[in-house]
Amino acid sequence: GKYPFYAGATIGGENDLRGYNHKRFSGDAALFGQAELRLFVTQMNIIIRSRVGINLFAETGRVYIENDSSKKWHPSYGFGLWVSYFNSMIIGSTYVAFSPDRTTFFLGLGMGF
């Protein structure tokens, strides 16, 4: 399409394809799918009550570019650990994501999506 490169539809990064760099893929349109399983493992009472769990995820996405016949999808998958406090008002999470490009590590507040 005819638009500035920064206005294209993008995928990649901590909110969609976690195994790729931020905005790794750009095009006229993007399609993205994600599945994540979050499992509660245990409750802990160290200083304050917290819930601990694990998560597994798989994602795939692609961008579409006018007059491009590529049908390539970009997969990403991984696993992580989460801890929640105060009835999930505060959540800390970490995960490792894998893709053909690279392996990424994330540590922060909130969940992947």
PDB file of N, CA and C in Angstrom:
ATOM      1  N   GLY A   1       0.801  -1.185   0.000  1.00  0.00           N
ATOM      2  CA  GLY A   1       0.000   0.000   0.000  1.00  0.00           C
ATOM      3  C   GLY A   1       0.850   1.258   0.000  1.00  0.00           C
ATOM      4  N   LYS A   2       0.202   2.365  -0.154  1.00  0.00           N
ATOM      5  CA  LYS A   2       0.894   3.663  -0.153  1.00  0.00           C
ATOM      6  C   LYS A   2       0.593   4.371   1.162  1.00  0.00           C
ATOM      7  N   TYR A   3       1.491   4.219   2.097  1.00  0.00           N
ATOM      8  CA  TYR A   3       1.387   4.836   3.412  1.00  0.00           C
ATOM      9  C   TYR A   3       2.795   4.891   3.998  1.00  0.00           C
ATOM     10  N   PRO A   4       3.030   5.727   4.979  1.00  0.00           N
ATOM     11  CA  PRO A   4       4.354   5.757   5.613  1.00  0.00           C
ATOM     12  C   PRO A   4       4.654   4.401   6.258  1.00  0.00           C
ATOM     13  N   PHE A   5       5.891   3.977   6.231  1.00  0.00           N
ATOM     14  CA  PHE A   5       6.256   2.660   6.749  1.00  0.00           C
ATOM     15  C   PHE A   5       5.818   2.463   8.197  1.00  0.00           C
ATOM     16  N   TYR A   6       5.811   3.525   8.989  1.00  0.00           N
ATOM     17  CA  TYR A   6       5.449   3.413  10.399  1.00  0.00           C
ATOM     18  C   TYR A   6       3.944   3.283  10.613  1.00  0.00           C
ATOM     19  N   ALA A   7       3.140   3.426   9.576  1.00  0.00           N
ATOM     20  CA  ALA A   7       1.686   3.319   9.698  1.00  0.00           C
ATOM     21  C   ALA A   7       1.171   1.941   9.285  1.00  0.00           C
ATOM     22  N   GLY A   8       2.063   1.020   8.934  1.00  0.00           N
ATOM     23  CA  GLY A   8       1.653  -0.318   8.519  1.00  0.00           C
ATOM     24  C   GLY A   8       1.141  -1.146   9.692  1.00  0.00           C
ATOM     25  N   ALA A   9       0.435  -2.218   9.370  1.00  0.00           N
ATOM     26  CA  ALA A   9      -0.023  -3.173  10.384  1.00  0.00           C
ATOM     27  C   ALA A   9       1.180  -4.006  10.819  1.00  0.00           C
ATOM     28  N   THR A  10       1.401  -4.118  12.126  1.00  0.00           N
ATOM     29  CA  THR A  10       2.587  -4.812  12.617  1.00  0.00           C
ATOM     30  C   THR A  10       2.224  -5.914  13.603  1.00  0.00           C
ATOM     31  N   ILE A  11       3.095  -6.908  13.680  1.00  0.00           N
ATOM     32  CA  ILE A  11       3.031  -7.936  14.716  1.00  0.00           C
ATOM     33  C   ILE A  11       4.447  -8.219  15.181  1.00  0.00           C
ATOM     34  N   GLY A  12       4.553  -8.686  16.419  1.00  0.00           N
ATOM     35  CA  GLY A  12       5.837  -9.007  17.020  1.00  0.00           C
ATOM     36  C   GLY A  12       6.033  -8.215  18.297  1.00  0.00           C
ATOM     37  N   GLY A  13       6.497  -8.896  19.352  1.00  0.00           N
ATOM     38  CA  GLY A  13       6.753  -8.231  20.623  1.00  0.00           C
ATOM     39  C   GLY A  13       6.009  -8.875  21.771  1.00  0.00           C
ATOM     40  N   GLU A  14       6.061  -8.254  22.922  1.00  0.00           N
ATOM     41  CA  GLU A  14       5.545  -8.867  24.144  1.00  0.00           C
ATOM     42  C   GLU A  14       4.036  -9.038  24.188  1.00  0.00           C
ATOM     43  N   ASN A  15       3.280  -8.379  23.321  1.00  0.00           N
ATOM     44  CA  ASN A  15       1.826  -8.512  23.357  1.00  0.00           C
ATOM     45  C   ASN A  15       1.248  -9.419  22.278  1.00  0.00           C
ATOM     46  N   ASP A  16       2.003  -9.775  21.271  1.00  0.00           N
ATOM     47  CA  ASP A  16       1.457 -10.683  20.259  1.00  0.00           C
ATOM     48  C   ASP A  16       2.424 -11.821  19.947  1.00  0.00           C
ATOM     49  N   LEU A  17       3.376 -11.673  19.077  1.00  0.00           N
ATOM     50  CA  LEU A  17       4.337 -12.747  18.815  1.00  0.00           C
ATOM     51  C   LEU A  17       5.534 -12.567  19.735  1.00  0.00           C
ATOM     52  N   ARG A  18       5.464 -13.166  20.920  1.00  0.00           N
ATOM     53  CA  ARG A  18       6.452 -12.919  21.966  1.00  0.00           C
ATOM     54  C   ARG A  18       7.845 -13.443  21.652  1.00  0.00           C
ATOM     55  N   GLY A  19       7.982 -14.337  20.685  1.00  0.00           N
ATOM     56  CA  GLY A  19       9.290 -14.863  20.322  1.00  0.00           C
ATOM     57  C   GLY A  19      10.035 -14.017  19.303  1.00  0.00           C
ATOM     58  N   TYR A  20       9.476 -12.869  18.948  1.00  0.00           N
ATOM     59  CA  TYR A  20      10.086 -11.998  17.942  1.00  0.00           C
ATOM     60  C   TYR A  20      10.285 -10.596  18.514  1.00  0.00           C
ATOM     61  N   ASN A  21      11.146  -9.823  17.850  1.00  0.00           N
ATOM     62  CA  ASN A  21      11.346  -8.425  18.232  1.00  0.00           C
ATOM     63  C   ASN A  21      10.057  -7.623  18.064  1.00  0.00           C
ATOM     64  N   HIS A  22       9.981  -6.509  18.780  1.00  0.00           N
ATOM     65  CA  HIS A  22       8.835  -5.606  18.710  1.00  0.00           C
ATOM     66  C   HIS A  22       8.629  -5.132  17.270  1.00  0.00           C
ATOM     67  N   LYS A  23       7.397  -5.282  16.771  1.00  0.00           N
ATOM     68  CA  LYS A  23       7.028  -4.872  15.406  1.00  0.00           C
ATOM     69  C   LYS A  23       7.929  -5.503  14.346  1.00  0.00           C
ATOM     70  N   ARG A  24       8.272  -6.757  14.542  1.00  0.00           N
ATOM     71  CA  ARG A  24       9.186  -7.463  13.629  1.00  0.00           C
ATOM     72  C   ARG A  24       8.639  -7.561  12.204  1.00  0.00           C
ATOM     73  N   PHE A  25       7.315  -7.745  12.071  1.00  0.00           N
ATOM     74  CA  PHE A  25       6.705  -7.904  10.751  1.00  0.00           C
ATOM     75  C   PHE A  25       5.734  -6.758  10.494  1.00  0.00           C
ATOM     76  N   SER A  26       5.781  -6.192   9.302  1.00  0.00           N
ATOM     77  CA  SER A  26       4.935  -5.053   8.956  1.00  0.00           C
ATOM     78  C   SER A  26       4.380  -5.243   7.551  1.00  0.00           C
ATOM     79  N   GLY A  27       3.123  -4.828   7.354  1.00  0.00           N
ATOM     80  CA  GLY A  27       2.512  -4.960   6.040  1.00  0.00           C
ATOM     81  C   GLY A  27       1.240  -4.146   5.928  1.00  0.00           C
ATOM     82  N   ASP A  28       0.457  -4.440   4.882  1.00  0.00           N
ATOM     83  CA  ASP A  28      -0.811  -3.746   4.659  1.00  0.00           C
ATOM     84  C   ASP A  28      -1.869  -4.182   5.668  1.00  0.00           C
ATOM     85  N   ALA A  29      -1.830  -5.457   6.056  1.00  0.00           N
ATOM     86  CA  ALA A  29      -2.777  -6.013   7.025  1.00  0.00           C
ATOM     87  C   ALA A  29      -2.062  -7.115   7.794  1.00  0.00           C
ATOM     88  N   ALA A  30      -2.552  -7.424   8.987  1.00  0.00           N
ATOM     89  CA  ALA A  30      -1.945  -8.470   9.807  1.00  0.00           C
ATOM     90  C   ALA A  30      -3.035  -9.353  10.396  1.00  0.00           C
ATOM     91  N   LEU A  31      -2.707 -10.624  10.568  1.00  0.00           N
ATOM     92  CA  LEU A  31      -3.603 -11.587  11.198  1.00  0.00           C
ATOM     93  C   LEU A  31      -2.799 -12.318  12.255  1.00  0.00           C
ATOM     94  N   PHE A  32      -3.395 -12.502  13.431  1.00  0.00           N
ATOM     95  CA  PHE A  32      -2.665 -13.040  14.565  1.00  0.00           C
ATOM     96  C   PHE A  32      -3.595 -13.895  15.412  1.00  0.00           C
ATOM     97  N   GLY A  33      -3.096 -15.037  15.887  1.00  0.00           N
ATOM     98  CA  GLY A  33      -3.866 -15.892  16.784  1.00  0.00           C
ATOM     99  C   GLY A  33      -3.000 -16.350  17.941  1.00  0.00           C
ATOM    100  N   GLN A  34      -3.635 -16.527  19.099  1.00  0.00           N
ATOM    101  CA  GLN A  34      -2.887 -16.837  20.312  1.00  0.00           C
ATOM    102  C   GLN A  34      -3.727 -17.734  21.212  1.00  0.00           C
ATOM    103  N   ALA A  35      -3.089 -18.722  21.836  1.00  0.00           N
ATOM    104  CA  ALA A  35      -3.745 -19.557  22.846  1.00  0.00           C
ATOM    105  C   ALA A  35      -2.815 -19.630  24.048  1.00  0.00           C
ATOM    106  N   GLU A  36      -3.386 -19.467  25.229  1.00  0.00           N
ATOM    107  CA  GLU A  36      -2.572 -19.515  26.445  1.00  0.00           C
ATOM    108  C   GLU A  36      -3.323 -20.278  27.516  1.00  0.00           C
ATOM    109  N   LEU A  37      -2.619 -21.185  28.171  1.00  0.00           N
ATOM    110  CA  LEU A  37      -3.175 -21.963  29.271  1.00  0.00           C
ATOM    111  C   LEU A  37      -2.517 -21.482  30.555  1.00  0.00           C
ATOM    112  N   ARG A  38      -3.326 -21.021  31.505  1.00  0.00           N
ATOM    113  CA  ARG A  38      -2.811 -20.552  32.795  1.00  0.00           C
ATOM    114  C   ARG A  38      -3.316 -21.494  33.878  1.00  0.00           C
ATOM    115  N   LEU A  39      -2.384 -22.097  34.605  1.00  0.00           N
ATOM    116  CA  LEU A  39      -2.735 -23.069  35.630  1.00  0.00           C
ATOM    117  C   LEU A  39      -2.297 -22.589  37.006  1.00  0.00           C
ATOM    118  N   PHE A  40      -3.226 -22.593  37.948  1.00  0.00           N
ATOM    119  CA  PHE A  40      -2.913 -22.299  39.344  1.00  0.00           C
ATOM    120  C   PHE A  40      -2.168 -23.504  39.908  1.00  0.00           C
ATOM    121  N   VAL A  41      -1.059 -23.267  40.615  1.00  0.00           N
ATOM    122  CA  VAL A  41      -0.261 -24.351  41.175  1.00  0.00           C
ATOM    123  C   VAL A  41      -0.414 -24.430  42.686  1.00  0.00           C
ATOM    124  N   THR A  42      -0.233 -23.307  43.384  1.00  0.00           N
ATOM    125  CA  THR A  42      -0.289 -23.340  44.844  1.00  0.00           C
ATOM    126  C   THR A  42      -0.536 -21.944  45.406  1.00  0.00           C
ATOM    127  N   GLN A  43      -0.865 -21.926  46.673  1.00  0.00           N
ATOM    128  CA  GLN A  43      -1.004 -20.668  47.406  1.00  0.00           C
ATOM    129  C   GLN A  43       0.111 -20.612  48.426  1.00  0.00           C
ATOM    130  N   MET A  44       0.727 -19.445  48.576  1.00  0.00           N
ATOM    131  CA  MET A  44       1.821 -19.277  49.533  1.00  0.00           C
ATOM    132  C   MET A  44       1.468 -18.162  50.503  1.00  0.00           C
ATOM    133  N   ASN A  45       1.957 -18.276  51.726  1.00  0.00           N
ATOM    134  CA  ASN A  45       1.712 -17.259  52.746  1.00  0.00           C
ATOM    135  C   ASN A  45       3.032 -16.773  53.331  1.00  0.00           C
ATOM    136  N   ILE A  46       3.896 -16.250  52.478  1.00  0.00           N
ATOM    137  CA  ILE A  46       5.161 -15.678  52.923  1.00  0.00           C
ATOM    138  C   ILE A  46       4.976 -14.166  52.928  1.00  0.00           C
ATOM    139  N   ILE A  47       4.961 -13.552  54.064  1.00  0.00           N
ATOM    140  CA  ILE A  47       4.701 -12.135  54.306  1.00  0.00           C
ATOM    141  C   ILE A  47       3.243 -11.814  53.981  1.00  0.00           C
ATOM    142  N   ILE A  48       2.830 -11.989  52.732  1.00  0.00           N
ATOM    143  CA  ILE A  48       1.421 -11.812  52.366  1.00  0.00           C
ATOM    144  C   ILE A  48       0.974 -13.017  51.532  1.00  0.00           C
ATOM    145  N   ARG A  49      -0.317 -13.232  51.495  1.00  0.00           N
ATOM    146  CA  ARG A  49      -0.855 -14.357  50.741  1.00  0.00           C
ATOM    147  C   ARG A  49      -0.696 -14.107  49.242  1.00  0.00           C
ATOM    148  N   SER A  50      -0.239 -15.126  48.551  1.00  0.00           N
ATOM    149  CA  SER A  50      -0.074 -15.019  47.103  1.00  0.00           C
ATOM    150  C   SER A  50      -0.479 -16.330  46.440  1.00  0.00           C
ATOM    151  N   ARG A  51      -0.820 -16.225  45.170  1.00  0.00           N
ATOM    152  CA  ARG A  51      -1.140 -17.400  44.353  1.00  0.00           C
ATOM    153  C   ARG A  51      -0.053 -17.523  43.292  1.00  0.00           C
ATOM    154  N   VAL A  52       0.384 -18.742  43.036  1.00  0.00           N
ATOM    155  CA  VAL A  52       1.458 -18.995  42.086  1.00  0.00           C
ATOM    156  C   VAL A  52       0.948 -19.947  41.009  1.00  0.00           C
ATOM    157  N   GLY A  53       1.327 -19.678  39.770  1.00  0.00           N
ATOM    158  CA  GLY A  53       0.901 -20.542  38.679  1.00  0.00           C
ATOM    159  C   GLY A  53       1.885 -20.561  37.531  1.00  0.00           C
ATOM    160  N   ILE A  54       1.584 -21.400  36.568  1.00  0.00           N
ATOM    161  CA  ILE A  54       2.396 -21.504  35.365  1.00  0.00           C
ATOM    162  C   ILE A  54       1.522 -21.215  34.144  1.00  0.00           C
ATOM    163  N   ASN A  55       2.153 -20.878  33.054  1.00  0.00           N
ATOM    164  CA  ASN A  55       1.413 -20.689  31.809  1.00  0.00           C
ATOM    165  C   ASN A  55       2.197 -21.253  30.633  1.00  0.00           C
ATOM    166  N   LEU A  56       1.445 -21.762  29.665  1.00  0.00           N
ATOM    167  CA  LEU A  56       1.988 -22.266  28.410  1.00  0.00           C
ATOM    168  C   LEU A  56       1.280 -21.523  27.290  1.00  0.00           C
ATOM    169  N   PHE A  57       1.997 -21.171  26.235  1.00  0.00           N
ATOM    170  CA  PHE A  57       1.331 -20.440  25.155  1.00  0.00           C
ATOM    171  C   PHE A  57       1.892 -20.820  23.789  1.00  0.00           C
ATOM    172  N   ALA A  58       1.060 -20.624  22.783  1.00  0.00           N
ATOM    173  CA  ALA A  58       1.440 -20.801  21.383  1.00  0.00           C
ATOM    174  C   ALA A  58       0.771 -19.686  20.590  1.00  0.00           C
ATOM    175  N   GLU A  59       1.485 -19.146  19.623  1.00  0.00           N
ATOM    176  CA  GLU A  59       0.989 -18.011  18.836  1.00  0.00           C
ATOM    177  C   GLU A  59       1.447 -18.181  17.387  1.00  0.00           C
ATOM    178  N   THR A  60       0.717 -17.593  16.497  1.00  0.00           N
ATOM    179  CA  THR A  60       1.161 -17.510  15.112  1.00  0.00           C
ATOM    180  C   THR A  60       0.539 -16.276  14.471  1.00  0.00           C
ATOM    181  N   GLY A  61       1.200 -15.751  13.487  1.00  0.00           N
ATOM    182  CA  GLY A  61       0.682 -14.566  12.813  1.00  0.00           C
ATOM    183  C   GLY A  61       1.365 -14.372  11.475  1.00  0.00           C
ATOM    184  N   ARG A  62       0.784 -13.500  10.691  1.00  0.00           N
ATOM    185  CA  ARG A  62       1.382 -13.150   9.405  1.00  0.00           C
ATOM    186  C   ARG A  62       0.917 -11.777   8.985  1.00  0.00           C
ATOM    187  N   VAL A  63       1.658 -11.189   8.081  1.00  0.00           N
ATOM    188  CA  VAL A  63       1.250  -9.914   7.497  1.00  0.00           C
ATOM    189  C   VAL A  63       0.976 -10.134   6.013  1.00  0.00           C
ATOM    190  N   TYR A  64       0.126  -9.287   5.490  1.00  0.00           N
ATOM    191  CA  TYR A  64      -0.227  -9.335   4.075  1.00  0.00           C
ATOM    192  C   TYR A  64       0.270  -8.061   3.413  1.00  0.00           C
ATOM    193  N   ILE A  65       0.879  -8.231   2.252  1.00  0.00           N
ATOM    194  CA  ILE A  65       1.392  -7.103   1.485  1.00  0.00           C
ATOM    195  C   ILE A  65       0.833  -7.210   0.069  1.00  0.00           C
ATOM    196  N   GLU A  66       0.343  -6.107  -0.447  1.00  0.00           N
ATOM    197  CA  GLU A  66      -0.226  -6.081  -1.795  1.00  0.00           C
ATOM    198  C   GLU A  66       0.759  -6.649  -2.816  1.00  0.00           C
ATOM    199  N   ASN A  67       0.271  -7.514  -3.683  1.00  0.00           N
ATOM    200  CA  ASN A  67       1.050  -8.152  -4.753  1.00  0.00           C
ATOM    201  C   ASN A  67       2.152  -9.076  -4.243  1.00  0.00           C
ATOM    202  N   ASP A  68       2.039  -9.567  -3.021  1.00  0.00           N
ATOM    203  CA  ASP A  68       3.002 -10.524  -2.472  1.00  0.00           C
ATOM    204  C   ASP A  68       2.287 -11.862  -2.314  1.00  0.00           C
ATOM    205  N   SER A  69       2.838 -12.920  -2.840  1.00  0.00           N
ATOM    206  CA  SER A  69       2.175 -14.225  -2.804  1.00  0.00           C
ATOM    207  C   SER A  69       2.621 -15.094  -1.629  1.00  0.00           C
ATOM    208  N   SER A  70       3.427 -14.570  -0.722  1.00  0.00           N
ATOM    209  CA  SER A  70       3.902 -15.351   0.421  1.00  0.00           C
ATOM    210  C   SER A  70       2.739 -15.822   1.291  1.00  0.00           C
ATOM    211  N   LYS A  71       2.837 -17.050   1.741  1.00  0.00           N
ATOM    212  CA  LYS A  71       1.836 -17.608   2.642  1.00  0.00           C
ATOM    213  C   LYS A  71       2.487 -17.985   3.976  1.00  0.00           C
ATOM    214  N   LYS A  72       3.597 -17.346   4.296  1.00  0.00           N
ATOM    215  CA  LYS A  72       4.379 -17.704   5.480  1.00  0.00           C
ATOM    216  C   LYS A  72       3.742 -17.204   6.775  1.00  0.00           C
ATOM    217  N   TRP A  73       3.564 -18.139   7.713  1.00  0.00           N
ATOM    218  CA  TRP A  73       3.102 -17.825   9.062  1.00  0.00           C
ATOM    219  C   TRP A  73       4.318 -17.835   9.984  1.00  0.00           C
ATOM    220  N   HIS A  74       4.279 -17.040  11.034  1.00  0.00           N
ATOM    221  CA  HIS A  74       5.405 -16.887  11.949  1.00  0.00           C
ATOM    222  C   HIS A  74       5.001 -17.405  13.333  1.00  0.00           C
ATOM    223  N   PRO A  75       5.490 -18.598  13.723  1.00  0.00           N
ATOM    224  CA  PRO A  75       5.089 -19.195  15.002  1.00  0.00           C
ATOM    225  C   PRO A  75       5.949 -18.729  16.174  1.00  0.00           C
ATOM    226  N   SER A  76       5.363 -18.819  17.348  1.00  0.00           N
ATOM    227  CA  SER A  76       6.050 -18.513  18.599  1.00  0.00           C
ATOM    228  C   SER A  76       5.390 -19.344  19.695  1.00  0.00           C
ATOM    229  N   TYR A  77       6.164 -19.830  20.639  1.00  0.00           N
ATOM    230  CA  TYR A  77       5.603 -20.611  21.747  1.00  0.00           C
ATOM    231  C   TYR A  77       6.494 -20.438  22.965  1.00  0.00           C
ATOM    232  N   GLY A  78       5.974 -20.799  24.135  1.00  0.00           N
ATOM    233  CA  GLY A  78       6.783 -20.666  25.330  1.00  0.00           C
ATOM    234  C   GLY A  78       6.051 -21.040  26.597  1.00  0.00           C
ATOM    235  N   PHE A  79       6.683 -20.708  27.710  1.00  0.00           N
ATOM    236  CA  PHE A  79       6.142 -21.029  29.027  1.00  0.00           C
ATOM    237  C   PHE A  79       6.556 -19.950  30.011  1.00  0.00           C
ATOM    238  N   GLY A  80       5.875 -19.922  31.150  1.00  0.00           N
ATOM    239  CA  GLY A  80       6.204 -18.905  32.138  1.00  0.00           C
ATOM    240  C   GLY A  80       5.677 -19.219  33.524  1.00  0.00           C
ATOM    241  N   LEU A  81       5.895 -18.288  34.413  1.00  0.00           N
ATOM    242  CA  LEU A  81       5.500 -18.385  35.816  1.00  0.00           C
ATOM    243  C   LEU A  81       4.847 -17.073  36.203  1.00  0.00           C
ATOM    244  N   TRP A  82       3.776 -17.127  36.999  1.00  0.00           N
ATOM    245  CA  TRP A  82       3.129 -15.904  37.472  1.00  0.00           C
ATOM    246  C   TRP A  82       2.855 -16.000  38.969  1.00  0.00           C
ATOM    247  N   VAL A  83       2.835 -14.848  39.616  1.00  0.00           N
ATOM    248  CA  VAL A  83       2.514 -14.722  41.041  1.00  0.00           C
ATOM    249  C   VAL A  83       1.530 -13.570  41.172  1.00  0.00           C
ATOM    250  N   SER A  84       0.427 -13.814  41.887  1.00  0.00           N
ATOM    251  CA  SER A  84      -0.556 -12.734  42.068  1.00  0.00           C
ATOM    252  C   SER A  84      -0.738 -12.441  43.553  1.00  0.00           C
ATOM    253  N   TYR A  85      -0.981 -11.176  43.851  1.00  0.00           N
ATOM    254  CA  TYR A  85      -1.189 -10.695  45.214  1.00  0.00           C
ATOM    255  C   TYR A  85      -2.500  -9.922  45.283  1.00  0.00           C
ATOM    256  N   PHE A  86      -3.092  -9.880  46.456  1.00  0.00           N
ATOM    257  CA  PHE A  86      -4.303  -9.087  46.704  1.00  0.00           C
ATOM    258  C   PHE A  86      -5.413  -9.407  45.698  1.00  0.00           C
ATOM    259  N   ASN A  87      -5.778 -10.704  45.628  1.00  0.00           N
ATOM    260  CA  ASN A  87      -6.845 -11.152  44.718  1.00  0.00           C
ATOM    261  C   ASN A  87      -6.598 -10.721  43.274  1.00  0.00           C
ATOM    262  N   SER A  88      -5.386 -10.891  42.822  1.00  0.00           N
ATOM    263  CA  SER A  88      -4.951 -10.602  41.441  1.00  0.00           C
ATOM    264  C   SER A  88      -4.934  -9.114  41.096  1.00  0.00           C
ATOM    265  N   MET A  89      -4.927  -8.238  42.105  1.00  0.00           N
ATOM    266  CA  MET A  89      -4.788  -6.808  41.821  1.00  0.00           C
ATOM    267  C   MET A  89      -3.368  -6.494  41.353  1.00  0.00           C
ATOM    268  N   ILE A  90      -2.393  -7.268  41.838  1.00  0.00           N
ATOM    269  CA  ILE A  90      -1.002  -7.117  41.414  1.00  0.00           C
ATOM    270  C   ILE A  90      -0.527  -8.479  40.916  1.00  0.00           C
ATOM    271  N   ILE A  91      -0.018  -8.515  39.696  1.00  0.00           N
ATOM    272  CA  ILE A  91       0.466  -9.765  39.115  1.00  0.00           C
ATOM    273  C   ILE A  91       1.872  -9.538  38.575  1.00  0.00           C
ATOM    274  N   GLY A  92       2.772 -10.392  38.978  1.00  0.00           N
ATOM    275  CA  GLY A  92       4.116 -10.398  38.414  1.00  0.00           C
ATOM    276  C   GLY A  92       4.251 -11.636  37.547  1.00  0.00           C
ATOM    277  N   SER A  93       4.882 -11.502  36.399  1.00  0.00           N
ATOM    278  CA  SER A  93       5.019 -12.665  35.526  1.00  0.00           C
ATOM    279  C   SER A  93       6.365 -12.661  34.817  1.00  0.00           C
ATOM    280  N   THR A  94       6.769 -13.839  34.440  1.00  0.00           N
ATOM    281  CA  THR A  94       7.973 -14.013  33.648  1.00  0.00           C
ATOM    282  C   THR A  94       7.705 -15.112  32.634  1.00  0.00           C
ATOM    283  N   TYR A  95       8.297 -15.014  31.472  1.00  0.00           N
ATOM    284  CA  TYR A  95       8.160 -16.086  30.500  1.00  0.00           C
ATOM    285  C   TYR A  95       9.373 -16.139  29.578  1.00  0.00           C
ATOM    286  N   VAL A  96       9.516 -17.283  28.949  1.00  0.00           N
ATOM    287  CA  VAL A  96      10.514 -17.497  27.911  1.00  0.00           C
ATOM    288  C   VAL A  96       9.749 -17.845  26.648  1.00  0.00           C
ATOM    289  N   ALA A  97      10.058 -17.182  25.540  1.00  0.00           N
ATOM    290  CA  ALA A  97       9.376 -17.418  24.267  1.00  0.00           C
ATOM    291  C   ALA A  97      10.396 -17.827  23.207  1.00  0.00           C
ATOM    292  N   PHE A  98       9.984 -18.757  22.367  1.00  0.00           N
ATOM    293  CA  PHE A  98      10.862 -19.292  21.331  1.00  0.00           C
ATOM    294  C   PHE A  98      10.257 -19.054  19.949  1.00  0.00           C
ATOM    295  N   SER A  99      11.103 -18.786  18.978  1.00  0.00           N
ATOM    296  CA  SER A  99      10.687 -18.653  17.583  1.00  0.00           C
ATOM    297  C   SER A  99      11.878 -19.057  16.716  1.00  0.00           C
ATOM    298  N   PRO A 100      11.667 -19.221  15.411  1.00  0.00           N
ATOM    299  CA  PRO A 100      12.815 -19.506  14.542  1.00  0.00           C
ATOM    300  C   PRO A 100      13.858 -18.379  14.548  1.00  0.00           C
ATOM    301  N   ASP A 101      13.453 -17.150  14.845  1.00  0.00           N
ATOM    302  CA  ASP A 101      14.381 -16.010  14.877  1.00  0.00           C
ATOM    303  C   ASP A 101      15.256 -15.982  16.120  1.00  0.00           C
ATOM    304  N   ARG A 102      14.632 -16.222  17.286  1.00  0.00           N
ATOM    305  CA  ARG A 102      15.360 -16.017  18.535  1.00  0.00           C
ATOM    306  C   ARG A 102      14.603 -16.569  19.726  1.00  0.00           C
ATOM    307  N   THR A 103      15.208 -16.458  20.898  1.00  0.00           N
ATOM    308  CA  THR A 103      14.576 -16.773  22.177  1.00  0.00           C
ATOM    309  C   THR A 103      14.519 -15.479  22.969  1.00  0.00           C
ATOM    310  N   THR A 104      13.357 -15.176  23.553  1.00  0.00           N
ATOM    311  CA  THR A 104      13.222 -13.948  24.334  1.00  0.00           C
ATOM    312  C   THR A 104      12.830 -14.273  25.764  1.00  0.00           C
ATOM    313  N   PHE A 105      13.151 -13.362  26.666  1.00  0.00           N
ATOM    314  CA  PHE A 105      12.841 -13.490  28.086  1.00  0.00           C
ATOM    315  C   PHE A 105      12.132 -12.217  28.524  1.00  0.00           C
ATOM    316  N   PHE A 106      11.082 -12.373  29.325  1.00  0.00           N
ATOM    317  CA  PHE A 106      10.323 -11.221  29.801  1.00  0.00           C
ATOM    318  C   PHE A 106      10.118 -11.342  31.303  1.00  0.00           C
ATOM    319  N   LEU A 107      10.235 -10.234  32.001  1.00  0.00           N
ATOM    320  CA  LEU A 107       9.954 -10.147  33.430  1.00  0.00           C
ATOM    321  C   LEU A 107       9.242  -8.825  33.651  1.00  0.00           C
ATOM    322  N   GLY A 108       8.052  -8.861  34.241  1.00  0.00           N
ATOM    323  CA  GLY A 108       7.331  -7.611  34.434  1.00  0.00           C
ATOM    324  C   GLY A 108       6.038  -7.778  35.193  1.00  0.00           C
ATOM    325  N   LEU A 109       5.236  -6.729  35.202  1.00  0.00           N
ATOM    326  CA  LEU A 109       3.931  -6.739  35.850  1.00  0.00           C
ATOM    327  C   LEU A 109       2.857  -7.035  34.821  1.00  0.00           C
ATOM    328  N   GLY A 110       1.857  -7.786  35.227  1.00  0.00           N
ATOM    329  CA  GLY A 110       0.766  -8.138  34.321  1.00  0.00           C
ATOM    330  C   GLY A 110       1.049  -9.430  33.586  1.00  0.00           C
ATOM    331  N   MET A 111       0.071  -9.839  32.784  1.00  0.00           N
ATOM    332  CA  MET A 111       0.200 -11.059  31.987  1.00  0.00           C
ATOM    333  C   MET A 111       0.563 -10.688  30.550  1.00  0.00           C
ATOM    334  N   GLY A 112       0.898 -11.699  29.751  1.00  0.00           N
ATOM    335  CA  GLY A 112       1.273 -11.480  28.355  1.00  0.00           C
ATOM    336  C   GLY A 112       0.177 -10.833  27.539  1.00  0.00           C
ATOM    337  N   PHE A 113      -1.063 -11.177  27.824  1.00  0.00           N
ATOM    338  CA  PHE A 113      -2.205 -10.531  27.167  1.00  0.00           C
ATOM    339  C   PHE A 113      -3.396 -10.619  28.062  1.00  0.00           C
TER     340      PHE A 113
END
